[in-house]
Amino acid sequence: MSTAGKVIKCKAAITWEIKKPFSIEEIEVAPPKAHEVRIKILATGICRSDDHVTAGLLTMPLPMILGHEAAGVVESTGEGVTSLKPGDKVIPLFVPQCGECMPCLKSNGNLCIRNDLGSPSGLMADGTSRFTCKGKMIHHFIGTSTFTEYTVVHETAVAKIDAAAPLEKVCLIGCGFSTGYGAAVKTAKVEPGSTCAVFGLGGVGLSTVMGCKAAGASRIIGIDINKDKFAKAKELGATECINPLDCKKPIQEVLSEMTGGGVDYSFEVIGRIDTMTAALACCQDNYGTCVIVGVPPASEKITFNPMMLFTGRTWKGSVFGGWKSKESVPKLVADYMEKKINLDGLITHTLPFDKINEGFELLRKGKSIRSVLTF
């Protein structure tokens, strides 16, 4: 029996308020409107950005269905959708690609103006939601909302992928892998023989390490206060790892001494003001490049000596690894299928969807790199 055009009742994990566990509830998911797609989610990764919302570090309108790193199958399409059809395997995109705005038209731009990142409304383009629970409207998260059996996204925010791709692996291309890997190969454009420092060795940080290795970096220094992550970092390409808690000097001074004046490229993949400043300071003062990959905490400001930039350093940010989402995601999936990139090494836990709270506890305790929830 077809569900197209009908409201679907399904399970979703709702964030009703901050600092509370996810609540698994029955919700109603409305049919897609014009230029929208309803997707049956089959696998979704647990990303630190989701946890930033539950911790109150990233301010979002609540109640909300979080989740943004996923893969699934198109269930139905709204009026005017021509690029997708029911049954297509897809990855939702938290950075859309409309193909018409300035960042989409610029060769070096990727932050489509249709995103819901900067000042989030938690709503679809028409200013309404497709989710209700117990008669109450539930907000969407950055245009994706994947902690649910069914979600609705705009057609500019979904990429069709290889029908043979294993969804419980390639879901990482929806955020973590692409963000870190792209920060190195696309945003920083790491050069062969260069030295790199990566602050934070979670799923995105390790993807950055993999990007530095793929680009031919000769030294890749991983920095984390959790030494349990060092073995995995070295397995994926780090040449050495440092715990700042073991250092008698500030980490930027240690790195500068280790490299004879600073690294060529540094990456902050945590989302903390102090590590962002340290990452800038540790790169070579004349030609070093520092890339901010971690999501900055809400309302915090950064203070630094402008001389750090005057001497020639470059400081830049990277959203979704600089990739143009709709055109790049299918290519990254193809690279995985051809064994050019390694996603399996990032996945430490695969759990059923109803164990979502356990998955987040593993993340908070530093016991997982990426946990994937399956439906």
Protein backbone atom coordinates (compact mmCIF):
# COMPACT_ATOMS: atom_id res chain seq x y z
CA MET A 1 0.00 0.00 0.00
CA SER A 2 1.49 3.34 -1.07
CA THR A 3 2.12 5.99 1.59
CA ALA A 4 2.63 8.78 -0.98
CA GLY A 5 0.52 11.84 -0.21
CA LYS A 6 -0.41 10.54 3.24
CA VAL A 7 0.74 11.42 6.75
CA ILE A 8 3.15 8.77 8.07
CA LYS A 9 3.26 7.82 11.75
CA CYS A 10 6.71 6.70 12.88
CA LYS A 11 9.29 6.78 15.68
CA ALA A 12 11.59 9.75 16.25
CA ALA A 13 13.99 10.88 18.97
CA ILE A 14 12.85 14.31 20.15
CA THR A 15 14.87 16.91 22.03
CA TRP A 16 12.20 18.64 24.13
CA GLU A 17 14.65 20.67 26.23
CA ILE A 18 18.40 21.02 26.71
CA LYS A 19 20.38 18.81 29.08
CA LYS A 20 17.71 16.09 28.94
CA PRO A 21 17.95 12.66 27.24
CA PHE A 22 16.40 12.08 23.83
CA SER A 23 12.78 10.98 24.08
CA ILE A 24 11.61 8.37 21.55
CA GLU A 25 8.06 9.25 20.55
CA GLU A 26 5.53 8.50 17.86
CA ILE A 27 5.34 11.45 15.48
CA GLU A 28 3.37 12.37 12.36
CA VAL A 29 5.38 13.26 9.26
CA ALA A 30 3.41 15.26 6.66
CA PRO A 31 3.75 14.51 2.95
CA PRO A 32 6.35 16.55 1.03
CA LYS A 33 5.17 19.84 -0.47
CA ALA A 34 6.38 21.23 -3.82
CA HIS A 35 10.11 20.67 -4.39
CA GLU A 36 10.41 18.56 -1.23
CA VAL A 37 11.33 14.90 -0.72
CA ARG A 38 10.26 12.49 2.04
CA ILE A 39 13.02 10.05 2.97
CA LYS A 40 12.96 6.80 4.93
CA ILE A 41 16.13 7.08 7.04
CA LEU A 42 18.02 3.77 7.35
CA ALA A 43 21.27 4.85 9.08
CA THR A 44 22.34 8.00 10.92
CA GLY A 45 25.61 8.92 12.58
CA ILE A 46 26.00 10.58 15.98
CA CYS A 47 27.93 13.83 15.54
CA ARG A 48 29.29 16.22 18.17
CA SER A 49 27.23 19.05 16.64
CA ASP A 50 24.03 17.25 17.69
CA ASP A 51 25.42 17.02 21.22
CA HIS A 52 26.26 20.75 21.19
CA VAL A 53 22.51 21.41 20.83
CA THR A 54 21.52 19.09 23.67
CA ALA A 55 24.21 20.67 25.88
CA GLY A 56 22.98 24.19 25.11
CA LEU A 57 26.21 25.25 23.37
CA LEU A 58 24.43 25.64 20.04
CA THR A 59 21.15 27.52 20.39
CA MET A 60 18.26 26.04 18.42
CA PRO A 61 14.46 26.40 18.63
CA LEU A 62 13.03 23.48 20.63
CA PRO A 63 11.38 20.98 20.58
CA MET A 64 13.42 19.63 17.68
CA ILE A 65 14.40 16.43 15.89
CA LEU A 66 18.19 16.50 15.66
CA GLY A 67 20.48 14.43 13.41
CA HIS A 68 22.13 15.52 10.16
CA GLU A 69 24.53 12.74 9.09
CA ALA A 70 22.46 10.05 7.44
CA ALA A 71 21.48 7.94 4.46
CA GLY A 72 18.18 6.52 3.36
CA VAL A 73 15.73 5.86 0.54
CA VAL A 74 13.27 8.26 -1.09
CA GLU A 75 9.72 7.34 -0.02
CA SER A 76 7.85 9.99 -2.03
CA THR A 77 8.41 13.30 -3.77
CA GLY A 78 6.47 16.54 -3.87
CA GLU A 79 5.23 18.40 -6.91
CA GLY A 80 7.94 19.58 -9.31
CA VAL A 81 10.69 17.20 -8.14
CA THR A 82 12.38 15.77 -11.23
CA SER A 83 15.87 14.78 -10.04
CA LEU A 84 14.71 12.06 -7.61
CA LYS A 85 12.16 9.28 -7.53
CA PRO A 86 10.85 6.83 -4.89
CA GLY A 87 13.39 4.08 -4.21
CA ASP A 88 16.49 6.21 -4.87
CA LYS A 89 19.26 5.88 -2.28
CA VAL A 90 20.13 9.32 -0.95
CA ILE A 91 22.11 11.35 1.60
CA PRO A 92 20.41 14.45 3.09
CA LEU A 93 22.55 17.62 2.96
CA PHE A 94 22.71 20.12 5.83
CA VAL A 95 24.44 22.48 3.37
CA PRO A 96 22.10 22.60 0.38
CA GLN A 97 23.13 23.45 -3.19
CA CYS A 98 20.50 25.49 -5.04
CA GLY A 99 22.85 26.26 -7.94
CA GLU A 100 21.53 29.81 -8.24
CA CYS A 101 22.88 31.91 -5.32
CA MET A 102 26.29 33.66 -5.21
CA PRO A 103 28.13 30.95 -3.19
CA CYS A 104 26.71 28.23 -5.47
CA LEU A 105 27.75 30.12 -8.61
CA LYS A 106 31.27 30.93 -7.35
CA SER A 107 33.75 28.11 -8.01
CA ASN A 108 35.27 28.47 -4.52
CA GLY A 109 31.94 28.90 -2.67
CA ASN A 110 29.80 26.18 -1.06
CA LEU A 111 27.63 27.75 1.68
CA CYS A 112 24.35 27.99 -0.24
CA ILE A 113 22.16 30.81 1.09
CA ARG A 114 19.32 28.32 1.58
CA ASN A 115 21.13 26.88 4.63
CA ASP A 116 19.57 27.04 8.11
CA LEU A 117 22.88 27.31 10.00
CA GLY A 118 23.53 30.96 10.87
CA SER A 119 20.23 32.10 12.39
CA PRO A 120 18.25 28.85 12.45
CA SER A 121 14.47 28.95 12.03
CA GLY A 122 14.04 25.20 12.43
CA LEU A 123 11.44 25.33 9.65
CA MET A 124 11.10 24.40 5.99
CA ALA A 125 11.46 27.06 3.28
CA ASP A 126 7.75 27.98 3.51
CA GLY A 127 8.06 28.73 7.24
CA THR A 128 6.27 25.59 8.46
CA SER A 129 7.26 22.18 9.87
CA ARG A 130 6.46 18.70 8.56
CA PHE A 131 6.64 17.15 12.05
CA THR A 132 4.05 16.99 14.82
CA CYS A 133 4.03 15.07 18.09
CA LYS A 134 1.12 14.96 20.56
CA GLY A 135 -0.47 17.81 18.62
CA LYS A 136 2.61 19.98 18.97
CA MET A 137 4.77 21.32 16.12
CA ILE A 138 8.36 19.94 16.16
CA HIS A 139 11.24 21.88 14.59
CA HIS A 140 13.59 20.66 11.86
CA PHE A 141 17.37 20.67 12.46
CA ILE A 142 19.49 22.44 9.80
CA GLY A 143 17.15 21.27 7.04
CA THR A 144 17.77 17.56 7.65
CA SER A 145 16.45 16.06 10.96
CA THR A 146 17.59 12.45 10.68
CA PHE A 147 16.88 11.05 14.18
CA THR A 148 13.56 9.80 12.83
CA GLU A 149 12.33 6.93 10.67
CA TYR A 150 11.04 9.45 8.10
CA THR A 151 12.07 13.03 7.37
CA VAL A 152 11.25 15.69 4.78
CA VAL A 153 13.96 17.79 3.09
CA HIS A 154 14.05 20.28 0.23
CA GLU A 155 15.22 18.78 -3.07
CA THR A 156 18.24 21.13 -3.03
CA ALA A 157 19.28 19.43 0.22
CA VAL A 158 19.51 15.81 -0.91
CA ALA A 159 21.99 13.91 -3.09
CA LYS A 160 21.24 10.73 -5.02
CA ILE A 161 23.99 8.13 -4.52
CA ASP A 162 25.09 4.74 -5.86
CA ALA A 163 22.30 2.18 -5.34
CA ALA A 164 24.91 -0.40 -4.22
CA ALA A 165 26.38 1.80 -1.45
CA PRO A 166 26.13 0.43 2.14
CA LEU A 167 24.08 3.12 3.89
CA GLU A 168 25.40 2.29 7.39
CA LYS A 169 28.88 3.33 6.15
CA VAL A 170 28.31 6.11 3.62
CA CYS A 171 26.03 8.04 6.00
CA LEU A 172 29.31 9.52 7.37
CA ILE A 173 29.72 11.37 4.06
CA GLY A 174 26.66 13.41 5.11
CA CYS A 175 28.83 15.28 7.63
CA GLY A 176 31.80 13.96 9.60
CA PHE A 177 34.01 12.43 6.95
CA SER A 178 33.39 15.06 4.26
CA THR A 179 33.85 17.93 6.72
CA GLY A 180 37.24 16.77 8.01
CA TYR A 181 38.66 15.31 4.81
CA GLY A 182 37.61 18.34 2.76
CA ALA A 183 39.07 20.79 5.31
CA ALA A 184 42.49 19.33 4.45
CA VAL A 185 42.26 18.60 0.72
CA LYS A 186 39.85 21.34 -0.38
CA THR A 187 39.87 24.26 2.09
CA ALA A 188 43.53 24.20 3.18
CA LYS A 189 44.79 22.50 0.00
CA VAL A 190 47.52 20.74 1.99
CA GLU A 191 50.65 20.28 -0.12
CA PRO A 192 52.90 17.19 -0.39
CA GLY A 193 55.75 17.20 2.12
CA SER A 194 54.08 19.71 4.44
CA THR A 195 53.65 19.54 8.23
CA CYS A 196 50.15 19.54 9.75
CA ALA A 197 48.68 19.74 13.25
CA VAL A 198 45.15 18.49 13.95
CA PHE A 199 43.51 19.60 17.22
CA GLY A 200 40.85 17.06 18.20
CA LEU A 201 40.87 13.40 17.19
CA GLY A 202 37.16 12.60 17.06
CA GLY A 203 35.44 11.44 13.88
CA VAL A 204 35.91 14.76 12.06
CA GLY A 205 39.48 15.23 13.32
CA LEU A 206 40.48 11.75 12.19
CA SER A 207 38.91 12.48 8.79
CA THR A 208 41.12 15.60 8.67
CA VAL A 209 44.14 13.39 9.45
CA MET A 210 43.11 11.14 6.53
CA GLY A 211 42.82 14.19 4.28
CA CYS A 212 46.31 15.41 5.27
CA LYS A 213 47.70 11.94 4.53
CA ALA A 214 45.91 11.73 1.17
CA ALA A 215 47.37 15.14 0.26
CA GLY A 216 50.89 13.85 0.95
CA ALA A 217 51.76 15.63 4.22
CA SER A 218 55.06 14.36 5.65
CA ARG A 219 54.24 15.06 9.32
CA ILE A 220 50.76 14.91 10.79
CA ILE A 221 50.65 15.74 14.50
CA GLY A 222 47.46 14.77 16.33
CA ILE A 223 46.54 16.70 19.50
CA ASP A 224 43.96 15.44 22.01
CA ILE A 225 43.57 15.25 25.79
CA ASN A 226 42.24 11.67 25.40
CA LYS A 227 45.26 9.45 24.74
CA ASP A 228 42.95 6.50 24.00
CA LYS A 229 42.45 8.05 20.54
CA PHE A 230 46.16 8.02 19.63
CA ALA A 231 46.35 4.44 18.31
CA LYS A 232 43.45 5.00 15.90
CA ALA A 233 44.93 8.35 14.80
CA LYS A 234 48.25 6.68 13.97
CA GLU A 235 46.46 3.87 12.15
CA LEU A 236 44.73 6.47 9.94
CA GLY A 237 47.81 8.57 9.19
CA ALA A 238 49.03 10.61 12.17
CA THR A 239 52.83 10.43 12.46
CA GLU A 240 52.84 11.44 16.14
CA CYS A 241 50.33 12.42 18.84
CA ILE A 242 50.54 14.81 21.80
CA ASN A 243 48.43 15.23 24.92
CA PRO A 244 48.57 18.94 25.93
CA LEU A 245 48.03 17.89 29.57
CA ASP A 246 51.46 16.21 29.46
CA CYS A 247 53.21 19.38 28.25
CA LYS A 248 54.97 21.87 30.53
CA LYS A 249 54.52 24.68 27.96
CA PRO A 250 51.48 25.91 26.01
CA ILE A 251 50.76 23.51 23.15
CA GLN A 252 51.48 26.15 20.48
CA GLU A 253 55.02 26.58 21.82
CA VAL A 254 55.57 22.82 21.92
CA LEU A 255 54.42 22.47 18.30
CA SER A 256 56.54 25.43 17.18
CA GLU A 257 59.66 23.88 18.76
CA MET A 258 58.89 20.43 17.32
CA THR A 259 58.63 21.80 13.79
CA GLY A 260 61.36 24.45 13.82
CA GLY A 261 59.06 27.46 13.75
CA GLY A 262 55.50 26.24 13.29
CA VAL A 263 53.45 23.90 11.11
CA ASP A 264 52.41 24.65 7.53
CA TYR A 265 48.76 23.80 8.24
CA SER A 266 46.78 23.55 11.47
CA PHE A 267 43.18 22.48 11.99
CA GLU A 268 40.92 23.13 14.99
CA VAL A 269 38.35 20.33 15.01
CA ILE A 270 36.88 20.72 18.50
CA GLY A 271 34.94 23.99 18.62
CA ARG A 272 36.67 25.73 21.56
CA ILE A 273 37.93 29.32 21.67
CA ASP A 274 41.21 28.44 23.45
CA THR A 275 42.15 25.71 20.96
CA MET A 276 41.25 27.95 18.01
CA THR A 277 43.75 30.56 19.24
CA ALA A 278 46.40 27.88 19.92
CA ALA A 279 45.87 26.41 16.44
CA LEU A 280 46.44 29.84 14.87
CA ALA A 281 49.53 30.46 16.98
CA CYS A 282 51.13 27.09 16.17
CA CYS A 283 51.21 27.59 12.41
CA GLN A 284 54.24 29.23 10.77
CA ASP A 285 54.00 33.00 11.31
CA ASN A 286 54.58 34.01 7.68
CA TYR A 287 52.96 31.36 5.46
CA GLY A 288 51.09 29.05 7.84
CA THR A 289 47.38 28.39 7.32
CA CYS A 290 44.95 27.63 10.16
CA VAL A 291 41.48 26.24 9.41
CA ILE A 292 38.56 26.31 11.87
CA VAL A 293 36.52 23.13 11.40
CA GLY A 294 34.87 22.75 14.84
CA VAL A 295 31.55 24.58 15.37
CA PRO A 296 32.22 27.64 17.57
CA PRO A 297 30.18 27.84 20.78
CA ALA A 298 27.25 30.29 20.71
CA SER A 299 27.85 33.88 21.89
CA GLU A 300 31.57 33.42 22.64
CA LYS A 301 34.08 35.93 21.23
CA ILE A 302 37.72 35.38 20.36
CA THR A 303 40.59 37.72 21.29
CA PHE A 304 44.05 37.55 19.75
CA ASN A 305 46.99 39.77 18.82
CA PRO A 306 46.47 41.00 15.22
CA MET A 307 50.24 40.76 14.69
CA MET A 308 49.58 37.00 14.38
CA LEU A 309 47.88 37.73 11.04
CA PHE A 310 49.93 40.77 9.98
CA THR A 311 53.06 38.64 9.57
CA GLY A 312 51.34 36.56 6.90
CA ARG A 313 49.36 33.74 8.47
CA THR A 314 46.04 32.78 6.90
CA TRP A 315 43.05 32.03 9.16
CA LYS A 316 39.98 30.55 7.57
CA GLY A 317 36.88 28.51 8.25
CA SER A 318 35.52 25.46 6.49
CA VAL A 319 31.87 24.43 6.30
CA PHE A 320 31.21 20.87 5.08
CA GLY A 321 34.85 20.65 3.99
CA GLY A 322 34.33 23.27 1.28
CA TRP A 323 32.47 20.75 -0.92
CA LYS A 324 29.58 21.80 -3.13
CA SER A 325 27.25 19.29 -1.53
CA LYS A 326 24.84 18.02 -4.18
CA GLU A 327 27.55 17.46 -6.79
CA SER A 328 30.35 16.28 -4.46
CA VAL A 329 28.57 13.77 -2.18
CA PRO A 330 27.83 11.23 -4.98
CA LYS A 331 31.52 11.45 -6.03
CA LEU A 332 32.72 10.86 -2.45
CA VAL A 333 30.40 7.82 -2.24
CA ALA A 334 31.92 6.57 -5.52
CA ASP A 335 35.41 7.06 -4.03
CA TYR A 336 34.37 4.92 -1.05
CA MET A 337 32.98 2.22 -3.36
CA GLU A 338 36.33 2.23 -5.22
CA LYS A 339 38.19 1.93 -1.86
CA LYS A 340 39.89 5.31 -2.33
CA ILE A 341 38.67 6.46 1.09
CA ASN A 342 38.27 4.57 4.36
CA LEU A 343 35.06 5.11 6.32
CA ASP A 344 35.01 1.75 8.12
CA GLY A 345 37.96 2.76 10.29
CA LEU A 346 35.95 5.63 11.77
CA ILE A 347 32.94 3.54 12.85
CA THR A 348 33.47 2.07 16.31
CA HIS A 349 29.86 1.26 17.24
CA THR A 350 26.69 0.34 15.34
CA LEU A 351 23.56 0.48 17.50
CA PRO A 352 19.81 0.15 16.95
CA PHE A 353 18.03 3.52 16.80
CA ASP A 354 16.34 3.09 20.18
CA LYS A 355 19.80 3.01 21.85
CA ILE A 356 20.41 6.64 20.82
CA ASN A 357 21.01 7.82 24.40
CA GLU A 358 23.65 5.10 24.88
CA GLY A 359 25.31 6.25 21.66
CA PHE A 360 25.57 9.81 22.96
CA GLU A 361 26.99 8.61 26.27
CA LEU A 362 29.76 6.78 24.36
CA LEU A 363 30.53 10.05 22.55
CA ARG A 364 30.57 12.16 25.74
CA LYS A 365 32.83 9.69 27.55
CA GLY A 366 35.28 9.58 24.63
CA LYS A 367 34.66 5.86 24.08
CA SER A 368 33.53 6.10 20.46
CA ILE A 369 34.79 7.70 17.28
CA ARG A 370 31.57 7.37 15.27
CA SER A 371 28.49 5.52 16.39
CA VAL A 372 25.97 4.74 13.66
CA LEU A 373 22.30 4.18 14.52
CA THR A 374 20.38 1.80 12.25
CA PHE A 375 16.61 1.51 11.83
